[in-house]
N, C-alpha and C. Protein backbone atom coordinates (compact mmCIF):
# COMPACT_ATOMS: atom_id res chain seq x y z
N MET A 1 -65.30 130.97 -1.99
CA MET A 1 -64.32 131.97 -2.34
C MET A 1 -65.03 132.90 -3.23
N LYS A 2 -64.36 134.29 -2.30
CA LYS A 2 -65.09 135.34 -3.46
C LYS A 2 -64.11 136.03 -4.51
N THR A 3 -65.03 136.86 -5.05
CA THR A 3 -63.70 137.61 -6.47
C THR A 3 -64.09 138.98 -5.89
N ILE A 4 -62.62 139.39 -5.89
CA ILE A 4 -62.75 141.05 -5.77
C ILE A 4 -62.01 141.80 -6.95
N GLY A 5 -62.27 142.74 -7.16
CA GLY A 5 -61.31 143.82 -7.59
C GLY A 5 -59.98 144.46 -6.74
N VAL A 6 -59.20 144.68 -7.13
CA VAL A 6 -58.34 145.73 -6.86
C VAL A 6 -58.77 147.18 -6.35
N ARG A 7 -59.48 147.41 -6.88
CA ARG A 7 -60.15 148.65 -6.53
C ARG A 7 -60.85 148.45 -5.24
N GLN A 8 -61.63 147.20 -4.91
CA GLN A 8 -62.41 146.97 -3.87
C GLN A 8 -61.86 146.80 -2.95
N LEU A 9 -60.72 146.05 -3.26
CA LEU A 9 -59.39 145.47 -2.14
C LEU A 9 -59.33 146.80 -1.38
N LYS A 10 -58.57 147.70 -2.34
CA LYS A 10 -57.95 149.04 -1.48
C LYS A 10 -58.96 149.35 -0.72
N ASN A 11 -60.26 149.89 -1.53
CA ASN A 11 -61.41 150.58 -0.61
C ASN A 11 -62.10 150.41 0.25
N GLU A 12 -61.87 148.53 0.66
CA GLU A 12 -62.04 147.96 1.84
C GLU A 12 -61.41 146.96 2.23
N ALA A 13 -60.17 147.45 2.47
CA ALA A 13 -59.08 146.78 2.84
C ALA A 13 -59.11 146.12 4.45
N THR A 14 -59.55 146.92 4.94
CA THR A 14 -59.82 146.59 6.45
C THR A 14 -60.86 145.85 6.94
N GLN A 15 -62.25 145.96 6.48
CA GLN A 15 -63.10 145.06 6.71
C GLN A 15 -62.91 143.55 5.46
N ILE A 16 -62.22 143.27 4.68
CA ILE A 16 -61.74 142.31 4.14
C ILE A 16 -60.77 141.71 4.35
N VAL A 17 -59.88 141.78 5.30
CA VAL A 17 -58.49 141.67 6.22
C VAL A 17 -59.09 141.11 7.49
N ARG A 18 -60.43 141.86 7.95
CA ARG A 18 -61.11 141.09 8.95
C ARG A 18 -61.79 139.85 8.99
N ALA A 19 -62.90 139.96 7.64
CA ALA A 19 -63.15 138.87 7.21
C ALA A 19 -62.22 137.76 7.09
N VAL A 20 -61.43 137.58 6.56
CA VAL A 20 -60.21 136.59 6.28
C VAL A 20 -59.59 136.10 7.69
N ARG A 21 -59.89 136.87 8.47
CA ARG A 21 -58.91 136.59 9.83
C ARG A 21 -59.93 135.78 10.54
N ASP A 22 -61.44 136.44 10.49
CA ASP A 22 -62.08 135.78 12.14
C ASP A 22 -63.17 135.12 10.97
N GLN A 23 -63.34 135.25 9.78
CA GLN A 23 -64.46 134.26 9.15
C GLN A 23 -63.60 132.95 8.10
N HIS A 24 -61.92 133.17 8.09
CA HIS A 24 -61.42 132.36 7.56
C HIS A 24 -62.10 132.34 5.60
N ALA A 25 -62.43 133.68 5.40
CA ALA A 25 -62.53 133.62 3.85
C ALA A 25 -61.63 133.48 3.01
N LEU A 26 -61.96 133.47 2.21
CA LEU A 26 -60.65 133.05 1.30
C LEU A 26 -61.43 134.00 -0.21
N TYR A 27 -60.07 134.79 -1.04
CA TYR A 27 -60.78 136.09 -1.78
C TYR A 27 -59.80 136.05 -3.26
N VAL A 28 -60.11 135.65 -4.63
CA VAL A 28 -59.29 136.07 -5.06
C VAL A 28 -59.36 137.12 -5.57
N ILE A 29 -58.30 137.97 -5.85
CA ILE A 29 -57.85 139.33 -6.27
C ILE A 29 -57.74 139.36 -8.02
N THR A 30 -58.60 140.14 -8.30
CA THR A 30 -58.85 140.43 -10.23
C THR A 30 -58.16 141.60 -10.19
N VAL A 31 -57.57 142.03 -11.77
CA VAL A 31 -57.18 143.11 -12.27
C VAL A 31 -57.83 143.11 -13.92
N ASN A 32 -58.25 143.95 -13.93
CA ASN A 32 -58.93 144.05 -15.09
C ASN A 32 -59.85 142.81 -15.18
N GLY A 33 -60.68 142.47 -14.57
CA GLY A 33 -61.60 141.04 -14.27
C GLY A 33 -60.78 139.65 -14.57
N GLN A 34 -58.98 139.81 -14.43
CA GLN A 34 -58.41 138.90 -14.33
C GLN A 34 -57.19 138.28 -13.39
N PRO A 35 -57.76 136.95 -12.45
CA PRO A 35 -56.98 136.55 -11.18
C PRO A 35 -55.79 136.72 -11.40
N VAL A 36 -55.02 137.87 -10.16
CA VAL A 36 -53.89 137.81 -10.00
C VAL A 36 -53.15 137.44 -8.66
N ALA A 37 -54.13 137.28 -7.97
CA ALA A 37 -53.76 136.64 -6.09
C ALA A 37 -55.05 136.10 -5.76
N THR A 38 -54.91 135.39 -4.37
CA THR A 38 -55.65 135.15 -3.40
C THR A 38 -54.76 135.46 -2.52
N LEU A 39 -56.28 135.74 -1.50
CA LEU A 39 -56.12 136.34 -0.15
C LEU A 39 -56.82 135.34 1.01
N ARG A 40 -56.61 134.74 1.74
CA ARG A 40 -56.43 133.49 2.64
C ARG A 40 -56.01 133.80 4.05
N PRO A 41 -56.41 132.95 5.10
CA PRO A 41 -55.73 132.73 6.36
C PRO A 41 -54.48 132.61 6.43
N TYR A 42 -53.44 133.00 7.16
CA TYR A 42 -52.18 132.70 7.68
C TYR A 42 -52.37 131.41 7.98
N ALA A 43 -51.48 130.71 7.48
CA ALA A 43 -51.02 129.44 8.76
C ALA A 43 -49.93 129.20 8.44
N ASP A 44 -48.91 128.57 9.74
CA ASP A 44 -47.56 128.30 10.01
C ASP A 44 -46.87 127.20 8.64
N ARG A 45 -47.58 126.76 8.37
CA ARG A 45 -47.28 125.85 7.35
C ARG A 45 -46.69 126.88 5.67
N ASP A 46 -47.35 128.40 6.02
CA ASP A 46 -46.79 129.14 4.84
C ASP A 46 -45.59 129.47 4.90
N ILE A 47 -45.11 129.57 5.98
CA ILE A 47 -43.40 130.11 5.99
C ILE A 47 -42.62 128.59 6.25
N ALA A 48 -42.78 127.74 6.47
CA ALA A 48 -42.04 126.07 6.03
C ALA A 48 -41.82 126.04 4.41
N GLY A 49 -42.98 125.79 3.70
CA GLY A 49 -42.92 126.59 2.37
C GLY A 49 -42.56 127.50 1.72
N MET A 50 -42.21 128.63 2.33
CA MET A 50 -41.70 129.17 1.60
C MET A 50 -40.35 128.88 1.94
N GLN A 51 -39.97 128.54 2.90
CA GLN A 51 -38.32 128.50 3.67
C GLN A 51 -37.82 127.15 2.64
N ARG A 52 -38.69 125.98 2.02
CA ARG A 52 -38.39 124.80 1.59
C ARG A 52 -37.99 125.42 -0.07
N SER A 53 -38.91 126.49 -0.38
CA SER A 53 -38.88 127.05 -2.16
C SER A 53 -37.30 127.40 -1.33
N GLN A 54 -36.98 128.75 -0.62
CA GLN A 54 -36.05 129.48 -0.91
C GLN A 54 -34.64 128.25 -0.59
N ALA A 55 -34.60 127.50 0.25
CA ALA A 55 -33.62 126.52 0.05
C ALA A 55 -33.37 125.30 -1.25
N ALA A 56 -34.48 125.14 -2.00
CA ALA A 56 -34.12 124.71 -3.11
C ALA A 56 -33.83 124.92 -4.16
N SER A 57 -34.31 126.70 -4.20
CA SER A 57 -33.69 127.45 -4.91
C SER A 57 -31.76 127.95 -4.94
N GLU A 58 -32.11 127.89 -3.50
CA GLU A 58 -30.47 128.27 -3.45
C GLU A 58 -29.46 126.81 -3.50
N MET A 59 -30.08 125.76 -3.55
CA MET A 59 -29.52 124.37 -3.74
C MET A 59 -29.24 124.39 -5.25
N ALA A 60 -30.27 124.73 -6.20
CA ALA A 60 -29.71 124.65 -7.64
C ALA A 60 -28.90 125.60 -8.13
N ALA A 61 -29.12 126.73 -7.46
CA ALA A 61 -28.03 127.60 -6.99
C ALA A 61 -26.47 127.28 -7.54
N ILE A 62 -26.61 126.39 -6.51
CA ILE A 62 -25.06 125.84 -6.00
C ILE A 62 -24.98 124.57 -6.55
N GLU A 63 -26.22 124.22 -7.22
CA GLU A 63 -25.64 122.93 -8.42
C GLU A 63 -25.19 123.25 -9.54
N ARG A 64 -25.79 124.76 -10.29
CA ARG A 64 -25.44 125.09 -11.25
C ARG A 64 -24.00 125.56 -10.78
N LEU A 65 -23.20 126.39 -9.73
CA LEU A 65 -21.75 126.83 -9.41
C LEU A 65 -20.87 125.72 -9.71
N ALA A 66 -21.49 124.62 -9.01
CA ALA A 66 -20.69 123.33 -9.06
C ALA A 66 -20.31 123.06 -10.61
N GLY A 67 -21.49 122.92 -11.41
CA GLY A 67 -21.30 122.46 -12.44
C GLY A 67 -19.99 123.47 -13.60
N ALA A 68 -20.86 124.53 -12.90
CA ALA A 68 -19.54 125.40 -13.79
C ALA A 68 -18.34 125.52 -13.49
N VAL A 69 -18.00 125.71 -12.05
CA VAL A 69 -16.66 124.90 -11.86
C VAL A 69 -15.95 123.91 -12.43
N GLY A 70 -17.00 122.67 -12.08
CA GLY A 70 -16.57 121.32 -12.62
C GLY A 70 -16.07 121.96 -14.31
N GLU A 71 -16.88 122.04 -15.27
CA GLU A 71 -16.10 122.80 -16.60
C GLU A 71 -15.20 123.09 -16.43
N ALA A 72 -15.29 124.17 -15.86
CA ALA A 72 -13.23 125.13 -15.39
C ALA A 72 -12.66 124.42 -15.20
N TRP A 73 -12.76 123.40 -14.27
CA TRP A 73 -11.75 122.86 -14.11
C TRP A 73 -11.27 122.08 -14.58
N MET A 74 -12.24 121.34 -15.69
CA MET A 74 -11.69 120.17 -16.48
C MET A 74 -10.76 120.76 -18.00
N SER A 75 -10.90 122.03 -18.20
CA SER A 75 -10.52 122.57 -19.30
C SER A 75 -9.03 123.57 -18.53
N VAL A 76 -8.70 123.39 -17.87
CA VAL A 76 -7.54 124.08 -17.19
C VAL A 76 -6.08 123.06 -17.96
N PRO A 77 -5.27 124.21 -18.66
CA PRO A 77 -4.59 123.43 -19.40
C PRO A 77 -3.55 122.46 -18.32
N ASP A 78 -2.93 121.12 -18.83
CA ASP A 78 -2.13 120.69 -17.96
C ASP A 78 -0.82 121.81 -17.85
N VAL A 79 -0.11 121.67 -16.49
CA VAL A 79 1.17 122.47 -16.21
C VAL A 79 2.00 122.16 -17.41
N ASP A 80 2.34 120.61 -17.58
CA ASP A 80 3.43 120.83 -19.17
C ASP A 80 2.84 121.28 -20.16
N ASP A 81 2.28 121.66 -20.68
CA ASP A 81 1.66 122.52 -21.56
C ASP A 81 2.04 124.06 -21.27
N ILE A 82 1.50 124.27 -19.84
CA ILE A 82 2.34 125.41 -19.90
C ILE A 82 3.73 126.08 -19.62
N SER A 83 4.20 124.89 -19.36
CA SER A 83 5.85 125.03 -18.58
C SER A 83 6.19 125.58 -20.34
N GLU A 84 5.60 124.63 -21.35
CA GLU A 84 6.43 124.75 -22.56
C GLU A 84 6.10 125.93 -23.87
N THR A 85 5.39 126.79 -22.94
CA THR A 85 4.58 128.00 -23.69
C THR A 85 5.16 128.90 -23.37
N PRO A 86 6.29 130.02 -23.82
CA PRO A 86 6.73 130.85 -22.99
C PRO A 86 5.91 131.71 -22.95
N ARG A 87 5.78 132.70 -21.88
CA ARG A 87 4.99 134.06 -21.63
C ARG A 87 5.53 134.93 -22.23
N ARG A 88 4.45 135.88 -22.83
CA ARG A 88 4.94 137.21 -23.97
C ARG A 88 6.36 137.64 -22.89
N GLY A 89 7.57 138.22 -23.10
CA GLY A 89 8.31 138.69 -22.73
C GLY A 89 9.20 138.06 -22.14
N ARG A 90 8.86 136.78 -21.89
CA ARG A 90 10.13 135.61 -21.31
C ARG A 90 10.70 134.63 -21.75
N VAL A 91 11.31 134.29 -21.65
CA VAL A 91 12.24 133.53 -22.32
C VAL A 91 12.53 132.02 -21.47
N PRO A 92 12.35 130.65 -21.91
CA PRO A 92 12.44 129.85 -20.99
C PRO A 92 13.67 129.70 -20.69
N ILE A 93 13.66 128.80 -19.56
CA ILE A 93 14.45 128.46 -18.42
C ILE A 93 15.84 127.74 -19.22
N GLY A 94 17.22 128.32 -19.53
CA GLY A 94 18.20 127.61 -19.94
C GLY A 94 18.27 128.02 -21.08
N GLU A 95 17.63 129.31 -21.75
CA GLU A 95 17.46 129.96 -23.27
C GLU A 95 17.95 131.05 -22.59
N GLU A 96 18.61 131.81 -22.15
CA GLU A 96 18.96 132.92 -21.74
C GLU A 96 20.11 133.35 -22.72
N ASP A 97 20.21 134.69 -22.60
CA ASP A 97 21.63 135.04 -23.57
C ASP A 97 23.00 134.96 -22.84
């Protein structure tokens, strides 16, 4: 695996991508000497992995939403409690003037 700086990648992008494609070369891209990314040949499993990751993320969001809905559902007051408390400016039934 070769290590290249981002400036070198910018200057030699065509040659580097060609090496990845033709020679299946692997590169670690650095910024200020620190690794930040890898460049490697594409594989069909890359898309499958992204789709699984996205599906897992969406399922986690759905589960968080379900939990929030469940908590809110449990905190809804009982209908009997609501009917005993008059709304502002309203008189309970049977107590009209």
